Amino acid sequence: MPQKDKSIASECLLHQKYLADSYTGMARETACDALFTDVLKICQEELQANHQIFNFMNQQGWYQVQNADQNQITQAQSQIQQMQSQSMQ
């Protein structure tokens, strides 16, 4: 039974990733402010569902991630800051 549960959870996570990506794309492409707001709200809900499924799978040991060390975190933050400053130029 646990293997079947893992398979179902994996399918749910894959589906949630697809939905979040689809709504993100839709939000990027809409010219209507009201539609943008609605799609953004739905996208956030899908991302929250995605995170809940991920957390469940992680707790079960079905989706394990490696924790980043402080150097990796600092490097990622630096890269994000560089990208943000470049995009504002």
PDB file of N, CA and C in Angstrom:
ATOM      1  N   MET A   1       0.807  -1.207   0.000  1.00  0.00           N
ATOM      2  CA  MET A   1       0.000   0.000   0.000  1.00  0.00           C
ATOM      3  C   MET A   1       0.852   1.274   0.000  1.00  0.00           C
ATOM      4  N   PRO A   2       1.966   1.325   0.771  1.00  0.00           N
ATOM      5  CA  PRO A   2       2.755   2.566   0.759  1.00  0.00           C
ATOM      6  C   PRO A   2       3.257   2.943  -0.634  1.00  0.00           C
ATOM      7  N   GLN A   3       3.601   1.954  -1.455  1.00  0.00           N
ATOM      8  CA  GLN A   3       4.076   2.259  -2.806  1.00  0.00           C
ATOM      9  C   GLN A   3       2.954   2.888  -3.634  1.00  0.00           C
ATOM     10  N   LYS A   4       1.731   2.401  -3.447  1.00  0.00           N
ATOM     11  CA  LYS A   4       0.593   2.974  -4.157  1.00  0.00           C
ATOM     12  C   LYS A   4       0.347   4.408  -3.680  1.00  0.00           C
ATOM     13  N   ASP A   5       0.459   4.644  -2.362  1.00  0.00           N
ATOM     14  CA  ASP A   5       0.304   5.992  -1.814  1.00  0.00           C
ATOM     15  C   ASP A   5       1.373   6.927  -2.365  1.00  0.00           C
ATOM     16  N   LYS A   6       2.598   6.427  -2.450  1.00  0.00           N
ATOM     17  CA  LYS A   6       3.699   7.236  -2.995  1.00  0.00           C
ATOM     18  C   LYS A   6       3.419   7.589  -4.451  1.00  0.00           C
ATOM     19  N   SER A   7       2.921   6.636  -5.196  1.00  0.00           N
ATOM     20  CA  SER A   7       2.609   6.867  -6.612  1.00  0.00           C
ATOM     21  C   SER A   7       1.506   7.911  -6.769  1.00  0.00           C
ATOM     22  N   ILE A   8       0.481   7.813  -5.944  1.00  0.00           N
ATOM     23  CA  ILE A   8      -0.617   8.786  -5.994  1.00  0.00           C
ATOM     24  C   ILE A   8      -0.110  10.171  -5.630  1.00  0.00           C
ATOM     25  N   ALA A   9       0.684  10.257  -4.570  1.00  0.00           N
ATOM     26  CA  ALA A   9       1.232  11.551  -4.147  1.00  0.00           C
ATOM     27  C   ALA A   9       2.129  12.144  -5.232  1.00  0.00           C
ATOM     28  N   SER A  10       2.927  11.310  -5.880  1.00  0.00           N
ATOM     29  CA  SER A  10       3.803  11.785  -6.959  1.00  0.00           C
ATOM     30  C   SER A  10       2.995  12.344  -8.120  1.00  0.00           C
ATOM     31  N   GLU A  11       1.910  11.659  -8.466  1.00  0.00           N
ATOM     32  CA  GLU A  11       1.033  12.141  -9.538  1.00  0.00           C
ATOM     33  C   GLU A  11       0.380  13.468  -9.155  1.00  0.00           C
ATOM     34  N   CYS A  12      -0.048  13.572  -7.901  1.00  0.00           N
ATOM     35  CA  CYS A  12      -0.658  14.823  -7.423  1.00  0.00           C
ATOM     36  C   CYS A  12       0.349  15.969  -7.493  1.00  0.00           C
ATOM     37  N   LEU A  13       1.574  15.712  -7.058  1.00  0.00           N
ATOM     38  CA  LEU A  13       2.608  16.754  -7.088  1.00  0.00           C
ATOM     39  C   LEU A  13       2.909  17.165  -8.529  1.00  0.00           C
ATOM     40  N   LEU A  14       3.022  16.212  -9.408  1.00  0.00           N
ATOM     41  CA  LEU A  14       3.268  16.513 -10.817  1.00  0.00           C
ATOM     42  C   LEU A  14       2.137  17.365 -11.390  1.00  0.00           C
ATOM     43  N   HIS A  15       0.913  17.026 -11.059  1.00  0.00           N
ATOM     44  CA  HIS A  15      -0.259  17.777 -11.526  1.00  0.00           C
ATOM     45  C   HIS A  15      -0.237  19.204 -10.979  1.00  0.00           C
ATOM     46  N   GLN A  16       0.080  19.352  -9.692  1.00  0.00           N
ATOM     47  CA  GLN A  16       0.136  20.683  -9.089  1.00  0.00           C
ATOM     48  C   GLN A  16       1.225  21.540  -9.718  1.00  0.00           C
ATOM     49  N   LYS A  17       2.357  20.937 -10.031  1.00  0.00           N
ATOM     50  CA  LYS A  17       3.438  21.671 -10.698  1.00  0.00           C
ATOM     51  C   LYS A  17       2.960  22.171 -12.066  1.00  0.00           C
ATOM     52  N   TYR A  18       2.269  21.305 -12.792  1.00  0.00           N
ATOM     53  CA  TYR A  18       1.747  21.682 -14.104  1.00  0.00           C
ATOM     54  C   TYR A  18       0.752  22.838 -13.989  1.00  0.00           C
ATOM     55  N   LEU A  19      -0.161  22.735 -13.010  1.00  0.00           N
ATOM     56  CA  LEU A  19      -1.151  23.801 -12.827  1.00  0.00           C
ATOM     57  C   LEU A  19      -0.480  25.128 -12.467  1.00  0.00           C
ATOM     58  N   ALA A  20       0.458  25.094 -11.540  1.00  0.00           N
ATOM     59  CA  ALA A  20       1.150  26.323 -11.131  1.00  0.00           C
ATOM     60  C   ALA A  20       1.888  26.939 -12.314  1.00  0.00           C
ATOM     61  N   ASP A  21       2.551  26.107 -13.102  1.00  0.00           N
ATOM     62  CA  ASP A  21       3.257  26.617 -14.286  1.00  0.00           C
ATOM     63  C   ASP A  21       2.275  27.207 -15.301  1.00  0.00           C
ATOM     64  N   SER A  22       1.143  26.551 -15.481  1.00  0.00           N
ATOM     65  CA  SER A  22       0.148  27.043 -16.438  1.00  0.00           C
ATOM     66  C   SER A  22      -0.434  28.384 -16.010  1.00  0.00           C
ATOM     67  N   TYR A  23      -0.780  28.497 -14.734  1.00  0.00           N
ATOM     68  CA  TYR A  23      -1.325  29.766 -14.243  1.00  0.00           C
ATOM     69  C   TYR A  23      -0.279  30.877 -14.260  1.00  0.00           C
ATOM     70  N   THR A  24       0.965  30.537 -13.988  1.00  0.00           N
ATOM     71  CA  THR A  24       2.033  31.534 -14.067  1.00  0.00           C
ATOM     72  C   THR A  24       2.146  32.061 -15.493  1.00  0.00           C
ATOM     73  N   GLY A  25       2.124  31.162 -16.455  1.00  0.00           N
ATOM     74  CA  GLY A  25       2.178  31.572 -17.855  1.00  0.00           C
ATOM     75  C   GLY A  25       0.986  32.415 -18.247  1.00  0.00           C
ATOM     76  N   MET A  26      -0.169  32.033 -17.766  1.00  0.00           N
ATOM     77  CA  MET A  26      -1.378  32.804 -18.068  1.00  0.00           C
ATOM     78  C   MET A  26      -1.287  34.205 -17.476  1.00  0.00           C
ATOM     79  N   ALA A  27      -0.797  34.311 -16.243  1.00  0.00           N
ATOM     80  CA  ALA A  27      -0.661  35.622 -15.597  1.00  0.00           C
ATOM     81  C   ALA A  27       0.310  36.513 -16.367  1.00  0.00           C
ATOM     82  N   ARG A  28       1.379  35.917 -16.884  1.00  0.00           N
ATOM     83  CA  ARG A  28       2.365  36.698 -17.649  1.00  0.00           C
ATOM     84  C   ARG A  28       1.777  37.242 -18.938  1.00  0.00           C
ATOM     85  N   GLU A  29       0.812  36.549 -19.501  1.00  0.00           N
ATOM     86  CA  GLU A  29       0.318  36.882 -20.834  1.00  0.00           C
ATOM     87  C   GLU A  29      -0.973  37.693 -20.851  1.00  0.00           C
ATOM     88  N   THR A  30      -1.577  37.929 -19.704  1.00  0.00           N
ATOM     89  CA  THR A  30      -2.852  38.632 -19.719  1.00  0.00           C
ATOM     90  C   THR A  30      -2.668  40.147 -19.684  1.00  0.00           C
ATOM     91  N   ALA A  31      -3.520  40.835 -20.416  1.00  0.00           N
ATOM     92  CA  ALA A  31      -3.483  42.303 -20.445  1.00  0.00           C
ATOM     93  C   ALA A  31      -4.577  42.904 -19.571  1.00  0.00           C
ATOM     94  N   CYS A  32      -5.453  42.083 -19.061  1.00  0.00           N
ATOM     95  CA  CYS A  32      -6.588  42.538 -18.252  1.00  0.00           C
ATOM     96  C   CYS A  32      -6.203  42.490 -16.773  1.00  0.00           C
ATOM     97  N   ASP A  33      -6.246  43.640 -16.111  1.00  0.00           N
ATOM     98  CA  ASP A  33      -5.831  43.703 -14.707  1.00  0.00           C
ATOM     99  C   ASP A  33      -6.691  42.824 -13.794  1.00  0.00           C
ATOM    100  N   ALA A  34      -7.991  42.798 -14.019  1.00  0.00           N
ATOM    101  CA  ALA A  34      -8.875  41.994 -13.181  1.00  0.00           C
ATOM    102  C   ALA A  34      -8.576  40.505 -13.352  1.00  0.00           C
ATOM    103  N   LEU A  35      -8.369  40.079 -14.595  1.00  0.00           N
ATOM    104  CA  LEU A  35      -8.027  38.679 -14.859  1.00  0.00           C
ATOM    105  C   LEU A  35      -6.671  38.347 -14.250  1.00  0.00           C
ATOM    106  N   PHE A  36      -5.718  39.257 -14.380  1.00  0.00           N
ATOM    107  CA  PHE A  36      -4.387  39.047 -13.794  1.00  0.00           C
ATOM    108  C   PHE A  36      -4.506  38.796 -12.292  1.00  0.00           C
ATOM    109  N   THR A  37      -5.297  39.610 -11.604  1.00  0.00           N
ATOM    110  CA  THR A  37      -5.473  39.474 -10.160  1.00  0.00           C
ATOM    111  C   THR A  37      -6.086  38.122  -9.817  1.00  0.00           C
ATOM    112  N   ASP A  38      -7.107  37.724 -10.563  1.00  0.00           N
ATOM    113  CA  ASP A  38      -7.762  36.437 -10.315  1.00  0.00           C
ATOM    114  C   ASP A  38      -6.817  35.263 -10.567  1.00  0.00           C
ATOM    115  N   VAL A  39      -6.099  35.322 -11.669  1.00  0.00           N
ATOM    116  CA  VAL A  39      -5.177  34.237 -12.020  1.00  0.00           C
ATOM    117  C   VAL A  39      -4.034  34.166 -11.007  1.00  0.00           C
ATOM    118  N   LEU A  40      -3.562  35.305 -10.559  1.00  0.00           N
ATOM    119  CA  LEU A  40      -2.498  35.334  -9.563  1.00  0.00           C
ATOM    120  C   LEU A  40      -2.951  34.689  -8.257  1.00  0.00           C
ATOM    121  N   LYS A  41      -4.181  34.943  -7.870  1.00  0.00           N
ATOM    122  CA  LYS A  41      -4.734  34.335  -6.650  1.00  0.00           C
ATOM    123  C   LYS A  41      -4.815  32.818  -6.807  1.00  0.00           C
ATOM    124  N   ILE A  42      -5.316  32.367  -7.943  1.00  0.00           N
ATOM    125  CA  ILE A  42      -5.414  30.930  -8.201  1.00  0.00           C
ATOM    126  C   ILE A  42      -4.021  30.307  -8.228  1.00  0.00           C
ATOM    127  N   CYS A  43      -3.079  30.982  -8.846  1.00  0.00           N
ATOM    128  CA  CYS A  43      -1.700  30.489  -8.919  1.00  0.00           C
ATOM    129  C   CYS A  43      -1.123  30.319  -7.519  1.00  0.00           C
ATOM    130  N   GLN A  44      -1.365  31.288  -6.660  1.00  0.00           N
ATOM    131  CA  GLN A  44      -0.871  31.195  -5.282  1.00  0.00           C
ATOM    132  C   GLN A  44      -1.493  29.999  -4.562  1.00  0.00           C
ATOM    133  N   GLU A  45      -2.774  29.761  -4.787  1.00  0.00           N
ATOM    134  CA  GLU A  45      -3.438  28.610  -4.177  1.00  0.00           C
ATOM    135  C   GLU A  45      -2.823  27.303  -4.679  1.00  0.00           C
ATOM    136  N   GLU A  46      -2.528  27.245  -5.968  1.00  0.00           N
ATOM    137  CA  GLU A  46      -1.913  26.041  -6.538  1.00  0.00           C
ATOM    138  C   GLU A  46      -0.510  25.829  -5.973  1.00  0.00           C
ATOM    139  N   LEU A  47       0.235  26.915  -5.801  1.00  0.00           N
ATOM    140  CA  LEU A  47       1.580  26.801  -5.221  1.00  0.00           C
ATOM    141  C   LEU A  47       1.513  26.336  -3.771  1.00  0.00           C
ATOM    142  N   GLN A  48       0.517  26.801  -3.034  1.00  0.00           N
ATOM    143  CA  GLN A  48       0.354  26.351  -1.652  1.00  0.00           C
ATOM    144  C   GLN A  48       0.005  24.858  -1.606  1.00  0.00           C
ATOM    145  N   ALA A  49      -0.857  24.412  -2.499  1.00  0.00           N
ATOM    146  CA  ALA A  49      -1.202  22.992  -2.571  1.00  0.00           C
ATOM    147  C   ALA A  49       0.034  22.173  -2.945  1.00  0.00           C
ATOM    148  N   ASN A  50       0.814  22.686  -3.883  1.00  0.00           N
ATOM    149  CA  ASN A  50       2.049  22.045  -4.289  1.00  0.00           C
ATOM    150  C   ASN A  50       2.975  21.882  -3.081  1.00  0.00           C
ATOM    151  N   HIS A  51       3.098  22.926  -2.296  1.00  0.00           N
ATOM    152  CA  HIS A  51       3.977  22.898  -1.129  1.00  0.00           C
ATOM    153  C   HIS A  51       3.474  21.893  -0.086  1.00  0.00           C
ATOM    154  N   GLN A  52       2.168  21.818   0.106  1.00  0.00           N
ATOM    155  CA  GLN A  52       1.613  20.860   1.064  1.00  0.00           C
ATOM    156  C   GLN A  52       1.892  19.420   0.639  1.00  0.00           C
ATOM    157  N   ILE A  53       1.723  19.144  -0.642  1.00  0.00           N
ATOM    158  CA  ILE A  53       1.994  17.795  -1.142  1.00  0.00           C
ATOM    159  C   ILE A  53       3.485  17.490  -1.008  1.00  0.00           C
ATOM    160  N   PHE A  54       4.322  18.456  -1.363  1.00  0.00           N
ATOM    161  CA  PHE A  54       5.767  18.267  -1.221  1.00  0.00           C
ATOM    162  C   PHE A  54       6.125  17.962   0.238  1.00  0.00           C
ATOM    163  N   ASN A  55       5.589  18.751   1.173  1.00  0.00           N
ATOM    164  CA  ASN A  55       5.885  18.536   2.587  1.00  0.00           C
ATOM    165  C   ASN A  55       5.442  17.143   3.044  1.00  0.00           C
ATOM    166  N   PHE A  56       4.265  16.723   2.615  1.00  0.00           N
ATOM    167  CA  PHE A  56       3.777  15.390   2.956  1.00  0.00           C
ATOM    168  C   PHE A  56       4.736  14.323   2.433  1.00  0.00           C
ATOM    169  N   MET A  57       5.122  14.446   1.178  1.00  0.00           N
ATOM    170  CA  MET A  57       6.015  13.463   0.581  1.00  0.00           C
ATOM    171  C   MET A  57       7.378  13.472   1.269  1.00  0.00           C
ATOM    172  N   ASN A  58       7.852  14.652   1.612  1.00  0.00           N
ATOM    173  CA  ASN A  58       9.136  14.772   2.295  1.00  0.00           C
ATOM    174  C   ASN A  58       9.069  14.110   3.664  1.00  0.00           C
ATOM    175  N   GLN A  59       7.975  14.313   4.387  1.00  0.00           N
ATOM    176  CA  GLN A  59       7.802  13.702   5.708  1.00  0.00           C
ATOM    177  C   GLN A  59       7.755  12.172   5.624  1.00  0.00           C
ATOM    178  N   GLN A  60       7.216  11.661   4.534  1.00  0.00           N
ATOM    179  CA  GLN A  60       7.131  10.211   4.339  1.00  0.00           C
ATOM    180  C   GLN A  60       8.455   9.623   3.854  1.00  0.00           C
ATOM    181  N   GLY A  61       9.399  10.504   3.488  1.00  0.00           N
ATOM    182  CA  GLY A  61      10.677  10.038   2.948  1.00  0.00           C
ATOM    183  C   GLY A  61      10.612   9.728   1.463  1.00  0.00           C
ATOM    184  N   TRP A  62       9.552  10.180   0.796  1.00  0.00           N
ATOM    185  CA  TRP A  62       9.355   9.901  -0.622  1.00  0.00           C
ATOM    186  C   TRP A  62       9.958  10.962  -1.529  1.00  0.00           C
ATOM    187  N   TYR A  63      10.285  12.109  -0.984  1.00  0.00           N
ATOM    188  CA  TYR A  63      10.839  13.216  -1.778  1.00  0.00           C
ATOM    189  C   TYR A  63      11.857  13.903  -0.895  1.00  0.00           C
ATOM    190  N   GLN A  64      13.067  13.465  -0.995  1.00  0.00           N
ATOM    191  CA  GLN A  64      14.101  13.986  -0.116  1.00  0.00           C
ATOM    192  C   GLN A  64      14.943  15.022  -0.848  1.00  0.00           C
ATOM    193  N   VAL A  65      15.265  16.053  -0.120  1.00  0.00           N
ATOM    194  CA  VAL A  65      16.113  17.109  -0.669  1.00  0.00           C
ATOM    195  C   VAL A  65      17.336  17.259   0.221  1.00  0.00           C
ATOM    196  N   GLN A  66      18.389  17.719  -0.396  1.00  0.00           N
ATOM    197  CA  GLN A  66      19.615  17.951   0.349  1.00  0.00           C
ATOM    198  C   GLN A  66      19.592  19.389   0.863  1.00  0.00           C
ATOM    199  N   ASN A  67      19.837  19.550   2.146  1.00  0.00           N
ATOM    200  CA  ASN A  67      19.894  20.896   2.709  1.00  0.00           C
ATOM    201  C   ASN A  67      21.126  21.625   2.204  1.00  0.00           C
ATOM    202  N   ALA A  68      20.935  22.898   1.891  1.00  0.00           N
ATOM    203  CA  ALA A  68      22.045  23.719   1.426  1.00  0.00           C
ATOM    204  C   ALA A  68      22.857  24.194   2.625  1.00  0.00           C
ATOM    205  N   ASP A  69      24.166  24.270   2.439  1.00  0.00           N
ATOM    206  CA  ASP A  69      24.980  24.833   3.510  1.00  0.00           C
ATOM    207  C   ASP A  69      24.969  26.360   3.383  1.00  0.00           C
ATOM    208  N   GLN A  70      25.513  27.041   4.371  1.00  0.00           N
ATOM    209  CA  GLN A  70      25.442  28.500   4.410  1.00  0.00           C
ATOM    210  C   GLN A  70      26.116  29.140   3.201  1.00  0.00           C
ATOM    211  N   ASN A  71      27.205  28.559   2.708  1.00  0.00           N
ATOM    212  CA  ASN A  71      27.875  29.102   1.517  1.00  0.00           C
ATOM    213  C   ASN A  71      26.974  29.045   0.294  1.00  0.00           C
ATOM    214  N   GLN A  72      26.253  27.943   0.124  1.00  0.00           N
ATOM    215  CA  GLN A  72      25.332  27.806  -1.010  1.00  0.00           C
ATOM    216  C   GLN A  72      24.187  28.814  -0.909  1.00  0.00           C
ATOM    217  N   ILE A  73      23.692  29.020   0.307  1.00  0.00           N
ATOM    218  CA  ILE A  73      22.605  29.983   0.513  1.00  0.00           C
ATOM    219  C   ILE A  73      23.092  31.389   0.194  1.00  0.00           C
ATOM    220  N   THR A  74      24.264  31.741   0.698  1.00  0.00           N
ATOM    221  CA  THR A  74      24.830  33.070   0.450  1.00  0.00           C
ATOM    222  C   THR A  74      25.073  33.283  -1.042  1.00  0.00           C
ATOM    223  N   GLN A  75      25.584  32.273  -1.714  1.00  0.00           N
ATOM    224  CA  GLN A  75      25.838  32.374  -3.148  1.00  0.00           C
ATOM    225  C   GLN A  75      24.531  32.560  -3.921  1.00  0.00           C
ATOM    226  N   ALA A  76      23.492  31.816  -3.576  1.00  0.00           N
ATOM    227  CA  ALA A  76      22.201  31.950  -4.248  1.00  0.00           C
ATOM    228  C   ALA A  76      21.609  33.338  -4.018  1.00  0.00           C
ATOM    229  N   GLN A  77      21.710  33.838  -2.791  1.00  0.00           N
ATOM    230  CA  GLN A  77      21.200  35.179  -2.495  1.00  0.00           C
ATOM    231  C   GLN A  77      21.951  36.226  -3.310  1.00  0.00           C
ATOM    232  N   SER A  78      23.242  36.064  -3.432  1.00  0.00           N
ATOM    233  CA  SER A  78      24.054  36.995  -4.211  1.00  0.00           C
ATOM    234  C   SER A  78      23.652  36.978  -5.683  1.00  0.00           C
ATOM    235  N   GLN A  79      23.424  35.791  -6.220  1.00  0.00           N
ATOM    236  CA  GLN A  79      23.010  35.668  -7.620  1.00  0.00           C
ATOM    237  C   GLN A  79      21.657  36.327  -7.849  1.00  0.00           C
ATOM    238  N   ILE A  80      20.743  36.153  -6.922  1.00  0.00           N
ATOM    239  CA  ILE A  80      19.421  36.770  -7.053  1.00  0.00           C
ATOM    240  C   ILE A  80      19.535  38.283  -7.004  1.00  0.00           C
ATOM    241  N   GLN A  81      20.341  38.783  -6.099  1.00  0.00           N
ATOM    242  CA  GLN A  81      20.531  40.235  -5.988  1.00  0.00           C
ATOM    243  C   GLN A  81      21.144  40.799  -7.273  1.00  0.00           C
ATOM    244  N   GLN A  82      22.105  40.084  -7.852  1.00  0.00           N
ATOM    245  CA  GLN A  82      22.715  40.525  -9.112  1.00  0.00           C
ATOM    246  C   GLN A  82      21.693  40.546 -10.227  1.00  0.00           C
ATOM    247  N   MET A  83      20.857  39.507 -10.306  1.00  0.00           N
ATOM    248  CA  MET A  83      19.838  39.455 -11.351  1.00  0.00           C
ATOM    249  C   MET A  83      18.828  40.590 -11.180  1.00  0.00           C
ATOM    250  N   GLN A  84      18.466  40.880  -9.930  1.00  0.00           N
ATOM    251  CA  GLN A  84      17.507  41.957  -9.680  1.00  0.00           C
ATOM    252  C   GLN A  84      18.109  43.311 -10.047  1.00  0.00           C
ATOM    253  N   SER A  85      19.362  43.544  -9.719  1.00  0.00           N
ATOM    254  CA  SER A  85      19.971  44.829 -10.039  1.00  0.00           C
ATOM    255  C   SER A  85      20.174  44.975 -11.543  1.00  0.00           C
ATOM    256  N   GLN A  86      20.456  43.901 -12.243  1.00  0.00           N
ATOM    257  CA  GLN A  86      20.614  43.942 -13.703  1.00  0.00           C
ATOM    258  C   GLN A  86      19.280  44.232 -14.381  1.00  0.00           C
ATOM    259  N   SER A  87      18.195  43.671 -13.839  1.00  0.00           N
ATOM    260  CA  SER A  87      16.891  43.867 -14.462  1.00  0.00           C
ATOM    261  C   SER A  87      16.360  45.285 -14.248  1.00  0.00           C
ATOM    262  N   MET A  88      16.879  45.999 -13.255  1.00  0.00           N
ATOM    263  CA  MET A  88      16.435  47.362 -12.990  1.00  0.00           C
ATOM    264  C   MET A  88      17.228  48.382 -13.814  1.00  0.00           C
ATOM    265  N   GLN A  89      18.251  47.951 -14.469  1.00  0.00           N
ATOM    266  CA  GLN A  89      19.079  48.890 -15.251  1.00  0.00           C
ATOM    267  C   GLN A  89      18.470  49.182 -16.585  1.00  0.00           C
TER     268      GLN A  89
END
